Amino acid sequence: MVTLQQIKPLEIEAESFRIIEREFAGETGSQIEDYSREEFAVMRRVIHATGDFGFAANLRFHKQAIAAGLAAIRAGKNVLTDVNMAAAGISRSYLGKFGGQVICRVGEVEVAERASRLGLTRSETAMAMAAEDNVGIVAIGNAPTALLALMELIEAGIISPDLVVGVPVGFVNAAESKEILSQKNYPFITALGRKGGSPVAVAIVNALLRMA
């Protein structure tokens, strides 16, 4: 017989976090104390969004990632996403308190036309066309092509976000693009391997927004 918890709607998230904290060591084989308070807050929200404790083993943080992300938010910079799904999930109300906006250009007609003309994907083309958009955080959860293009743009000095959240999901170049990102010397948060996705990118950014 299935027994449901009796809980008020506003208490569900807090109870979920308590369950994650209670079960964390048994599910992951590691301890909460192995991470900084801020890193665990990000990890907890990713686990909450996915129901997957496996991200405890996959998430990687550049040593300056949290500080860089918080500074970008507090400076009123924008968050650029690779797909509209991610843009829809990021808390615009939290970001708006600091003056920032969520930007996703992948659906723009100009992006589609340029991508077709150059033989590129819309995701990678949108990255290049956002160089002048006061971007503080780039959150990529869907398209490895977007992450690869972004890293090339950073190396070329065309765009310089404060933090790259690179967690694309998939089987073609997803793991490879994230492995490359994990070796960069600029601030990043990534999830090694094939797992990732827009919900993971959104969870990471929203965790930072709540910290800010």
Foldseek 3Di string as FASTA:
>chain_A
DDDDDDDDPVCVVVVLLVVCQVCLCVQPVDHPVVDPPLVVLLLSLLCVLPVDSVQVVFKDWQPCQLVLLLVLLQCQAEEEELDVVLQVLADQVLSVVNNYHYDYCLPPPVLVVVCVVVVHHSSLSRLLVCQPRRHAEYQYAADLSNLVSNVVCVVVVSHDHQEYEQEHADDPCNQVSQVVVSPDNGTYMYTHDRDTGSSSSNSNSNSSSVVD
